[in-house]
Amino acid sequence: MGAREMAISLDGVRDKNLMLLKKLNTVLFPVRYNDKYYADALASGEFTRLAYYNDICVGSVACRIEKKEGGELRVYIMTLGVLAPYRRLGIGKKLLNHIMDLSAKQGIPEIYMHVQTNNNDAIAFYKKFGFEIKETIKNYYAKNISPPDCYVLSKSIPAPQK
């Protein structure tokens, strides 16, 4: 492991540090998240993580575990973000790899998320990990967010080899 990776650590989100997730979201995203988002984030356990760089909280991933109609589970990445000065240090990669590894271990075959159509950095980031644009949803976001459209990005997670 390089020195940079050693400086990155992940921690769970609990009631006592939930305010860190709320603060990050306020800075990172144009959306204001409601209590249901935070309840889902807490309920997902290991699928929601704070990222620390040299012991400073600089990023997070928050997921929701969903059941599809056939009963099959899938992971929805509600948010994944890293503060701008800390991007390109491997923090987002570590967060996403954590979610993909956890999904594989738990036999969850799909991960997906919504990404604003003009967020080219995020789209390129997810494509590097094998996510594909599956559809475009018009007017997904609130009226005050421009553009209001999003892509649905999805990735199949292979079952672990026995």
N, C-alpha and C. Protein backbone atom coordinates (compact mmCIF):
# COMPACT_ATOMS: atom_id res chain seq x y z
N MET A 1 0.83 -1.19 0.00
CA MET A 1 0.00 0.00 0.00
C MET A 1 0.87 1.25 0.00
N GLY A 2 0.49 2.23 -0.81
CA GLY A 2 1.23 3.48 -0.83
C GLY A 2 0.91 4.32 0.39
N ALA A 3 1.69 5.36 0.59
CA ALA A 3 1.48 6.25 1.75
C ALA A 3 0.11 6.90 1.68
N ARG A 4 -0.33 7.23 0.45
CA ARG A 4 -1.63 7.88 0.31
C ARG A 4 -2.74 6.96 0.79
N GLU A 5 -2.67 5.68 0.39
CA GLU A 5 -3.72 4.74 0.79
C GLU A 5 -3.72 4.52 2.29
N MET A 6 -2.54 4.56 2.90
CA MET A 6 -2.44 4.38 4.35
C MET A 6 -3.18 5.51 5.07
N ALA A 7 -3.21 6.69 4.44
CA ALA A 7 -3.81 7.86 5.06
C ALA A 7 -5.34 7.82 4.99
N ILE A 8 -5.89 6.90 4.17
CA ILE A 8 -7.34 6.82 3.97
C ILE A 8 -7.93 5.72 4.84
N SER A 9 -8.94 6.08 5.62
CA SER A 9 -9.64 5.07 6.40
C SER A 9 -11.14 5.29 6.29
N LEU A 10 -11.89 4.21 6.45
CA LEU A 10 -13.35 4.27 6.39
C LEU A 10 -13.91 3.96 7.77
N ASP A 11 -15.03 4.60 8.08
CA ASP A 11 -15.67 4.37 9.37
C ASP A 11 -17.17 4.33 9.17
N GLY A 12 -17.83 3.61 10.04
CA GLY A 12 -19.28 3.51 9.97
C GLY A 12 -19.96 4.81 10.37
N VAL A 13 -21.21 4.95 9.96
CA VAL A 13 -22.02 6.10 10.35
C VAL A 13 -22.96 5.66 11.45
N ARG A 14 -22.93 6.39 12.55
CA ARG A 14 -23.79 6.10 13.71
C ARG A 14 -24.45 7.40 14.14
N ASP A 15 -25.36 7.29 15.08
CA ASP A 15 -26.03 8.50 15.57
C ASP A 15 -25.04 9.58 15.98
N LYS A 16 -23.95 9.15 16.65
CA LYS A 16 -23.02 10.16 17.20
C LYS A 16 -22.19 10.88 16.14
N ASN A 17 -22.05 10.31 14.93
CA ASN A 17 -21.30 11.02 13.89
C ASN A 17 -22.14 11.33 12.64
N LEU A 18 -23.44 11.18 12.76
CA LEU A 18 -24.34 11.45 11.64
C LEU A 18 -24.21 12.90 11.16
N MET A 19 -23.90 13.81 12.08
CA MET A 19 -23.75 15.22 11.70
C MET A 19 -22.63 15.41 10.67
N LEU A 20 -21.60 14.57 10.72
CA LEU A 20 -20.52 14.66 9.73
C LEU A 20 -21.06 14.38 8.33
N LEU A 21 -21.91 13.36 8.21
CA LEU A 21 -22.52 13.03 6.91
C LEU A 21 -23.40 14.19 6.45
N LYS A 22 -24.16 14.76 7.36
CA LYS A 22 -25.04 15.89 7.00
C LYS A 22 -24.22 17.09 6.52
N LYS A 23 -23.11 17.38 7.21
CA LYS A 23 -22.26 18.51 6.81
C LYS A 23 -21.65 18.27 5.44
N LEU A 24 -21.14 17.07 5.21
CA LEU A 24 -20.55 16.74 3.90
C LEU A 24 -21.58 16.90 2.79
N ASN A 25 -22.78 16.38 3.01
CA ASN A 25 -23.82 16.45 1.98
C ASN A 25 -24.18 17.90 1.64
N THR A 26 -24.19 18.76 2.66
CA THR A 26 -24.51 20.18 2.44
C THR A 26 -23.49 20.82 1.51
N VAL A 27 -22.22 20.44 1.69
CA VAL A 27 -21.15 21.01 0.88
C VAL A 27 -21.09 20.37 -0.51
N LEU A 28 -21.31 19.06 -0.58
CA LEU A 28 -21.06 18.31 -1.82
C LEU A 28 -22.20 18.32 -2.83
N PHE A 29 -23.44 18.35 -2.38
CA PHE A 29 -24.56 18.09 -3.28
C PHE A 29 -25.56 19.24 -3.33
N PRO A 30 -26.18 19.45 -4.51
CA PRO A 30 -27.15 20.54 -4.64
C PRO A 30 -28.52 20.19 -4.03
N VAL A 31 -28.65 18.98 -3.53
CA VAL A 31 -29.93 18.49 -3.00
C VAL A 31 -29.89 18.57 -1.47
N ARG A 32 -31.01 18.92 -0.86
CA ARG A 32 -31.12 18.85 0.61
C ARG A 32 -31.79 17.53 0.95
N TYR A 33 -31.13 16.73 1.74
CA TYR A 33 -31.66 15.40 2.04
C TYR A 33 -32.54 15.43 3.27
N ASN A 34 -33.59 14.58 3.23
CA ASN A 34 -34.58 14.55 4.31
C ASN A 34 -34.25 13.45 5.32
N ASP A 35 -35.08 13.37 6.35
CA ASP A 35 -34.87 12.39 7.41
C ASP A 35 -34.88 10.96 6.89
N LYS A 36 -35.70 10.68 5.86
CA LYS A 36 -35.76 9.32 5.31
C LYS A 36 -34.40 8.92 4.74
N TYR A 37 -33.74 9.84 4.05
CA TYR A 37 -32.41 9.57 3.51
C TYR A 37 -31.47 9.14 4.64
N TYR A 38 -31.47 9.91 5.73
CA TYR A 38 -30.55 9.61 6.83
C TYR A 38 -30.94 8.32 7.56
N ALA A 39 -32.24 8.04 7.64
CA ALA A 39 -32.70 6.78 8.25
C ALA A 39 -32.24 5.61 7.38
N ASP A 40 -32.39 5.74 6.05
CA ASP A 40 -31.94 4.69 5.12
C ASP A 40 -30.43 4.50 5.23
N ALA A 41 -29.70 5.60 5.31
CA ALA A 41 -28.23 5.54 5.40
C ALA A 41 -27.81 4.80 6.66
N LEU A 42 -28.43 5.11 7.78
CA LEU A 42 -28.10 4.43 9.03
C LEU A 42 -28.50 2.96 8.97
N ALA A 43 -29.65 2.67 8.36
CA ALA A 43 -30.17 1.30 8.31
C ALA A 43 -29.33 0.40 7.42
N SER A 44 -28.59 0.96 6.47
CA SER A 44 -27.82 0.13 5.54
C SER A 44 -26.53 -0.41 6.15
N GLY A 45 -26.23 -0.01 7.38
CA GLY A 45 -25.07 -0.57 8.08
C GLY A 45 -23.77 -0.31 7.36
N GLU A 46 -23.08 -1.41 7.00
CA GLU A 46 -21.76 -1.30 6.38
C GLU A 46 -21.78 -0.64 5.01
N PHE A 47 -22.98 -0.48 4.43
CA PHE A 47 -23.09 0.13 3.10
C PHE A 47 -23.07 1.66 3.16
N THR A 48 -22.96 2.22 4.33
CA THR A 48 -22.78 3.67 4.47
C THR A 48 -21.50 3.89 5.26
N ARG A 49 -20.60 4.69 4.69
CA ARG A 49 -19.29 4.89 5.29
C ARG A 49 -18.85 6.35 5.16
N LEU A 50 -18.12 6.80 6.18
CA LEU A 50 -17.43 8.08 6.10
C LEU A 50 -15.98 7.77 5.72
N ALA A 51 -15.37 8.64 4.92
CA ALA A 51 -13.98 8.47 4.53
C ALA A 51 -13.14 9.55 5.21
N TYR A 52 -12.04 9.11 5.79
CA TYR A 52 -11.12 10.02 6.46
C TYR A 52 -9.78 10.01 5.73
N TYR A 53 -9.20 11.18 5.57
CA TYR A 53 -7.86 11.31 5.02
C TYR A 53 -7.01 11.96 6.10
N ASN A 54 -6.01 11.25 6.58
CA ASN A 54 -5.22 11.74 7.73
C ASN A 54 -6.12 12.17 8.89
N ASP A 55 -7.12 11.36 9.17
CA ASP A 55 -8.05 11.58 10.28
C ASP A 55 -9.00 12.76 10.10
N ILE A 56 -9.08 13.32 8.90
CA ILE A 56 -10.04 14.40 8.61
C ILE A 56 -11.16 13.79 7.76
N CYS A 57 -12.40 14.02 8.14
CA CYS A 57 -13.54 13.48 7.39
C CYS A 57 -13.69 14.28 6.09
N VAL A 58 -13.46 13.61 4.95
CA VAL A 58 -13.44 14.32 3.66
C VAL A 58 -14.38 13.74 2.61
N GLY A 59 -15.07 12.62 2.94
CA GLY A 59 -15.95 12.03 1.94
C GLY A 59 -16.87 11.01 2.57
N SER A 60 -17.82 10.55 1.75
CA SER A 60 -18.77 9.56 2.26
C SER A 60 -19.45 8.84 1.12
N VAL A 61 -20.00 7.69 1.46
CA VAL A 61 -20.91 6.97 0.58
C VAL A 61 -22.09 6.57 1.44
N ALA A 62 -23.29 6.75 0.90
CA ALA A 62 -24.50 6.35 1.61
C ALA A 62 -25.37 5.56 0.64
N CYS A 63 -25.74 4.36 1.07
CA CYS A 63 -26.51 3.46 0.21
C CYS A 63 -27.83 3.07 0.87
N ARG A 64 -28.68 2.51 0.04
CA ARG A 64 -29.93 1.92 0.50
C ARG A 64 -30.01 0.53 -0.15
N ILE A 65 -30.39 -0.45 0.63
CA ILE A 65 -30.57 -1.80 0.08
C ILE A 65 -32.03 -1.92 -0.33
N GLU A 66 -32.25 -2.28 -1.58
CA GLU A 66 -33.61 -2.37 -2.12
C GLU A 66 -33.93 -3.79 -2.54
N LYS A 67 -35.21 -4.11 -2.48
CA LYS A 67 -35.69 -5.40 -2.97
C LYS A 67 -36.39 -5.17 -4.30
N LYS A 68 -35.96 -5.90 -5.33
CA LYS A 68 -36.64 -5.82 -6.62
C LYS A 68 -37.90 -6.67 -6.57
N GLU A 69 -38.71 -6.59 -7.60
CA GLU A 69 -40.00 -7.30 -7.60
C GLU A 69 -39.86 -8.79 -7.37
N GLY A 70 -38.83 -9.42 -7.93
CA GLY A 70 -38.64 -10.85 -7.75
C GLY A 70 -38.05 -11.21 -6.39
N GLY A 71 -37.82 -10.21 -5.54
CA GLY A 71 -37.25 -10.47 -4.23
C GLY A 71 -35.74 -10.33 -4.19
N GLU A 72 -35.13 -10.17 -5.38
CA GLU A 72 -33.68 -10.03 -5.44
C GLU A 72 -33.26 -8.66 -4.89
N LEU A 73 -32.15 -8.62 -4.16
CA LEU A 73 -31.67 -7.37 -3.59
C LEU A 73 -30.79 -6.62 -4.58
N ARG A 74 -30.76 -5.31 -4.41
CA ARG A 74 -29.79 -4.50 -5.15
C ARG A 74 -29.40 -3.32 -4.26
N VAL A 75 -28.23 -2.76 -4.54
CA VAL A 75 -27.72 -1.64 -3.76
C VAL A 75 -27.94 -0.37 -4.57
N TYR A 76 -28.54 0.61 -3.92
CA TYR A 76 -28.71 1.93 -4.53
C TYR A 76 -27.75 2.89 -3.84
N ILE A 77 -26.81 3.45 -4.59
CA ILE A 77 -25.90 4.44 -4.03
C ILE A 77 -26.64 5.78 -4.04
N MET A 78 -27.08 6.20 -2.86
CA MET A 78 -27.80 7.48 -2.76
C MET A 78 -26.85 8.63 -2.99
N THR A 79 -25.69 8.58 -2.35
CA THR A 79 -24.67 9.62 -2.52
C THR A 79 -23.28 9.00 -2.36
N LEU A 80 -22.34 9.53 -3.13
CA LEU A 80 -20.93 9.21 -2.96
C LEU A 80 -20.20 10.50 -3.33
N GLY A 81 -19.45 11.04 -2.41
CA GLY A 81 -18.77 12.29 -2.71
C GLY A 81 -17.53 12.48 -1.86
N VAL A 82 -16.60 13.27 -2.41
CA VAL A 82 -15.36 13.61 -1.72
C VAL A 82 -15.16 15.12 -1.89
N LEU A 83 -14.76 15.77 -0.81
CA LEU A 83 -14.51 17.22 -0.88
C LEU A 83 -13.46 17.52 -1.96
N ALA A 84 -13.67 18.61 -2.70
CA ALA A 84 -12.85 18.94 -3.87
C ALA A 84 -11.33 18.89 -3.62
N PRO A 85 -10.81 19.45 -2.53
CA PRO A 85 -9.34 19.43 -2.37
C PRO A 85 -8.78 18.02 -2.18
N TYR A 86 -9.64 17.05 -1.89
CA TYR A 86 -9.19 15.68 -1.59
C TYR A 86 -9.50 14.70 -2.73
N ARG A 87 -9.98 15.22 -3.85
CA ARG A 87 -10.27 14.34 -4.98
C ARG A 87 -8.97 13.91 -5.65
N ARG A 88 -9.04 12.80 -6.37
CA ARG A 88 -7.90 12.22 -7.09
C ARG A 88 -6.82 11.68 -6.14
N LEU A 89 -7.22 11.34 -4.92
CA LEU A 89 -6.29 10.73 -3.96
C LEU A 89 -6.65 9.27 -3.71
N GLY A 90 -7.66 8.76 -4.40
CA GLY A 90 -8.06 7.37 -4.22
C GLY A 90 -9.17 7.17 -3.19
N ILE A 91 -9.74 8.27 -2.69
CA ILE A 91 -10.76 8.17 -1.64
C ILE A 91 -12.09 7.66 -2.21
N GLY A 92 -12.53 8.25 -3.32
CA GLY A 92 -13.76 7.79 -3.97
C GLY A 92 -13.63 6.34 -4.41
N LYS A 93 -12.44 5.99 -4.94
CA LYS A 93 -12.17 4.61 -5.36
C LYS A 93 -12.30 3.67 -4.16
N LYS A 94 -11.74 4.07 -3.02
CA LYS A 94 -11.81 3.21 -1.84
C LYS A 94 -13.26 3.04 -1.38
N LEU A 95 -14.04 4.12 -1.41
CA LEU A 95 -15.46 4.04 -1.02
C LEU A 95 -16.23 3.12 -1.97
N LEU A 96 -16.03 3.31 -3.28
CA LEU A 96 -16.77 2.50 -4.26
C LEU A 96 -16.33 1.04 -4.20
N ASN A 97 -15.03 0.79 -4.07
CA ASN A 97 -14.56 -0.60 -3.96
C ASN A 97 -15.14 -1.28 -2.72
N HIS A 98 -15.27 -0.52 -1.63
CA HIS A 98 -15.88 -1.06 -0.41
C HIS A 98 -17.31 -1.55 -0.70
N ILE A 99 -18.08 -0.73 -1.41
CA ILE A 99 -19.48 -1.09 -1.72
C ILE A 99 -19.52 -2.28 -2.68
N MET A 100 -18.64 -2.30 -3.68
CA MET A 100 -18.64 -3.42 -4.64
C MET A 100 -18.21 -4.72 -3.96
N ASP A 101 -17.18 -4.66 -3.10
CA ASP A 101 -16.72 -5.86 -2.39
C ASP A 101 -17.80 -6.39 -1.44
N LEU A 102 -18.44 -5.48 -0.72
CA LEU A 102 -19.49 -5.85 0.22
C LEU A 102 -20.67 -6.49 -0.51
N SER A 103 -21.03 -5.91 -1.66
CA SER A 103 -22.13 -6.45 -2.46
C SER A 103 -21.81 -7.86 -2.92
N ALA A 104 -20.58 -8.06 -3.40
CA ALA A 104 -20.17 -9.39 -3.87
C ALA A 104 -20.22 -10.40 -2.72
N LYS A 105 -19.67 -10.00 -1.55
CA LYS A 105 -19.66 -10.90 -0.39
C LYS A 105 -21.05 -11.30 0.04
N GLN A 106 -21.99 -10.36 -0.07
CA GLN A 106 -23.36 -10.63 0.37
C GLN A 106 -24.24 -11.17 -0.77
N GLY A 107 -23.64 -11.40 -1.93
CA GLY A 107 -24.38 -11.97 -3.05
C GLY A 107 -25.43 -11.03 -3.63
N ILE A 108 -25.19 -9.71 -3.53
CA ILE A 108 -26.12 -8.73 -4.12
C ILE A 108 -25.63 -8.44 -5.53
N PRO A 109 -26.45 -8.79 -6.55
CA PRO A 109 -25.95 -8.81 -7.92
C PRO A 109 -25.94 -7.46 -8.67
N GLU A 110 -26.45 -6.39 -8.07
CA GLU A 110 -26.52 -5.15 -8.84
C GLU A 110 -26.31 -3.94 -7.92
N ILE A 111 -25.60 -2.95 -8.46
CA ILE A 111 -25.45 -1.64 -7.82
C ILE A 111 -25.87 -0.61 -8.85
N TYR A 112 -26.65 0.38 -8.41
CA TYR A 112 -27.01 1.44 -9.35
C TYR A 112 -27.12 2.78 -8.64
N MET A 113 -27.16 3.85 -9.44
CA MET A 113 -27.30 5.19 -8.90
C MET A 113 -27.83 6.13 -9.97
N HIS A 114 -28.24 7.32 -9.54
CA HIS A 114 -28.62 8.39 -10.45
C HIS A 114 -27.49 9.42 -10.45
N VAL A 115 -27.14 9.92 -11.65
CA VAL A 115 -26.10 10.94 -11.77
C VAL A 115 -26.63 12.03 -12.70
N GLN A 116 -26.48 13.27 -12.27
CA GLN A 116 -26.92 14.40 -13.07
C GLN A 116 -26.23 14.35 -14.43
N THR A 117 -26.98 14.61 -15.51
CA THR A 117 -26.46 14.41 -16.88
C THR A 117 -25.24 15.27 -17.19
N ASN A 118 -25.04 16.38 -16.48
CA ASN A 118 -23.88 17.23 -16.77
C ASN A 118 -22.71 16.96 -15.84
N ASN A 119 -22.82 15.94 -14.98
CA ASN A 119 -21.73 15.64 -14.03
C ASN A 119 -20.74 14.68 -14.70
N ASN A 120 -19.97 15.25 -15.63
CA ASN A 120 -19.06 14.43 -16.43
C ASN A 120 -17.99 13.74 -15.61
N ASP A 121 -17.51 14.41 -14.55
CA ASP A 121 -16.49 13.79 -13.70
C ASP A 121 -17.03 12.52 -13.05
N ALA A 122 -18.24 12.60 -12.52
CA ALA A 122 -18.84 11.42 -11.85
C ALA A 122 -19.10 10.32 -12.87
N ILE A 123 -19.61 10.67 -14.03
CA ILE A 123 -19.91 9.66 -15.06
C ILE A 123 -18.62 8.94 -15.47
N ALA A 124 -17.55 9.71 -15.71
CA ALA A 124 -16.26 9.11 -16.09
C ALA A 124 -15.72 8.23 -14.96
N PHE A 125 -15.87 8.69 -13.71
CA PHE A 125 -15.42 7.93 -12.54
C PHE A 125 -16.11 6.57 -12.50
N TYR A 126 -17.43 6.56 -12.58
CA TYR A 126 -18.18 5.30 -12.48
C TYR A 126 -17.91 4.38 -13.67
N LYS A 127 -17.74 4.96 -14.87
CA LYS A 127 -17.46 4.13 -16.05
C LYS A 127 -16.13 3.40 -15.90
N LYS A 128 -15.15 4.02 -15.21
CA LYS A 128 -13.86 3.35 -14.97
C LYS A 128 -14.04 2.06 -14.19
N PHE A 129 -15.11 1.98 -13.41
CA PHE A 129 -15.37 0.80 -12.58
C PHE A 129 -16.39 -0.13 -13.22
N GLY A 130 -16.72 0.11 -14.49
CA GLY A 130 -17.59 -0.80 -15.22
C GLY A 130 -19.07 -0.47 -15.14
N PHE A 131 -19.42 0.69 -14.60
CA PHE A 131 -20.83 1.09 -14.60
C PHE A 131 -21.21 1.56 -15.99
N GLU A 132 -22.46 1.32 -16.36
CA GLU A 132 -22.95 1.72 -17.68
C GLU A 132 -24.20 2.54 -17.53
N ILE A 133 -24.37 3.50 -18.46
CA ILE A 133 -25.61 4.29 -18.47
C ILE A 133 -26.72 3.40 -19.02
N LYS A 134 -27.76 3.20 -18.22
CA LYS A 134 -28.87 2.31 -18.61
C LYS A 134 -30.07 3.09 -19.13
N GLU A 135 -30.29 4.31 -18.59
CA GLU A 135 -31.40 5.12 -19.07
C GLU A 135 -31.20 6.57 -18.66
N THR A 136 -31.99 7.44 -19.29
CA THR A 136 -32.01 8.86 -18.94
C THR A 136 -33.39 9.16 -18.38
N ILE A 137 -33.43 9.86 -17.27
CA ILE A 137 -34.72 10.25 -16.69
C ILE A 137 -34.81 11.78 -16.76
N LYS A 138 -35.82 12.27 -17.47
CA LYS A 138 -36.03 13.71 -17.59
C LYS A 138 -36.65 14.25 -16.31
N ASN A 139 -36.25 15.44 -15.94
CA ASN A 139 -36.82 16.15 -14.77
C ASN A 139 -36.80 15.32 -13.49
N TYR A 140 -35.72 14.61 -13.26
CA TYR A 140 -35.58 13.79 -12.05
C TYR A 140 -35.40 14.67 -10.82
N TYR A 141 -34.62 15.74 -10.98
CA TYR A 141 -34.30 16.60 -9.84
C TYR A 141 -35.31 17.74 -9.71
N ALA A 142 -35.25 18.39 -8.55
CA ALA A 142 -36.14 19.52 -8.26
C ALA A 142 -35.94 20.62 -9.29
N LYS A 143 -36.94 21.45 -9.42
CA LYS A 143 -36.94 22.52 -10.43
C LYS A 143 -35.74 23.47 -10.31
N ASN A 144 -35.22 23.66 -9.09
CA ASN A 144 -34.13 24.62 -8.91
C ASN A 144 -32.76 24.05 -9.25
N ILE A 145 -32.70 22.80 -9.72
CA ILE A 145 -31.43 22.17 -10.07
C ILE A 145 -31.36 22.06 -11.59
N SER A 146 -30.26 22.56 -12.15
CA SER A 146 -30.13 22.59 -13.60
C SER A 146 -28.85 21.89 -14.02
N PRO A 147 -28.89 20.98 -15.00
CA PRO A 147 -30.12 20.46 -15.61
C PRO A 147 -30.84 19.51 -14.65
N PRO A 148 -32.16 19.36 -14.82
CA PRO A 148 -32.94 18.52 -13.91
C PRO A 148 -32.90 17.03 -14.28
N ASP A 149 -32.17 16.69 -15.35
CA ASP A 149 -32.18 15.31 -15.85
C ASP A 149 -31.05 14.49 -15.24
N CYS A 150 -31.25 13.17 -15.20
CA CYS A 150 -30.19 12.29 -14.69
C CYS A 150 -30.06 11.06 -15.56
N TYR A 151 -28.92 10.42 -15.43
CA TYR A 151 -28.69 9.10 -15.99
C TYR A 151 -28.81 8.09 -14.87
N VAL A 152 -29.27 6.90 -15.22
CA VAL A 152 -29.21 5.78 -14.29
C VAL A 152 -28.00 4.96 -14.70
N LEU A 153 -27.02 4.84 -13.79
CA LEU A 153 -25.84 4.02 -14.04
C LEU A 153 -25.96 2.76 -13.23
N SER A 154 -25.59 1.64 -13.84
CA SER A 154 -25.75 0.35 -13.17
C SER A 154 -24.56 -0.55 -13.48
N LYS A 155 -24.32 -1.48 -12.55
CA LYS A 155 -23.25 -2.45 -12.73
C LYS A 155 -23.70 -3.77 -12.13
N SER A 156 -23.46 -4.85 -12.85
CA SER A 156 -23.72 -6.17 -12.32
C SER A 156 -22.51 -6.62 -11.51
N ILE A 157 -22.77 -7.23 -10.36
CA ILE A 157 -21.70 -7.71 -9.48
C ILE A 157 -21.69 -9.23 -9.56
N PRO A 158 -20.58 -9.82 -10.04
CA PRO A 158 -20.56 -11.28 -10.13
C PRO A 158 -20.57 -11.91 -8.73
N ALA A 159 -21.22 -13.05 -8.65
CA ALA A 159 -21.25 -13.79 -7.37
C ALA A 159 -19.84 -14.25 -7.06
N PRO A 160 -19.47 -14.30 -5.78
CA PRO A 160 -18.12 -14.75 -5.44
C PRO A 160 -17.93 -16.21 -5.84
N GLN A 161 -16.72 -16.52 -6.30
CA GLN A 161 -16.41 -17.89 -6.72
C GLN A 161 -16.29 -18.78 -5.47
N LYS A 162 -16.93 -19.92 -5.53
CA LYS A 162 -16.87 -20.84 -4.36
C LYS A 162 -15.69 -21.79 -4.51
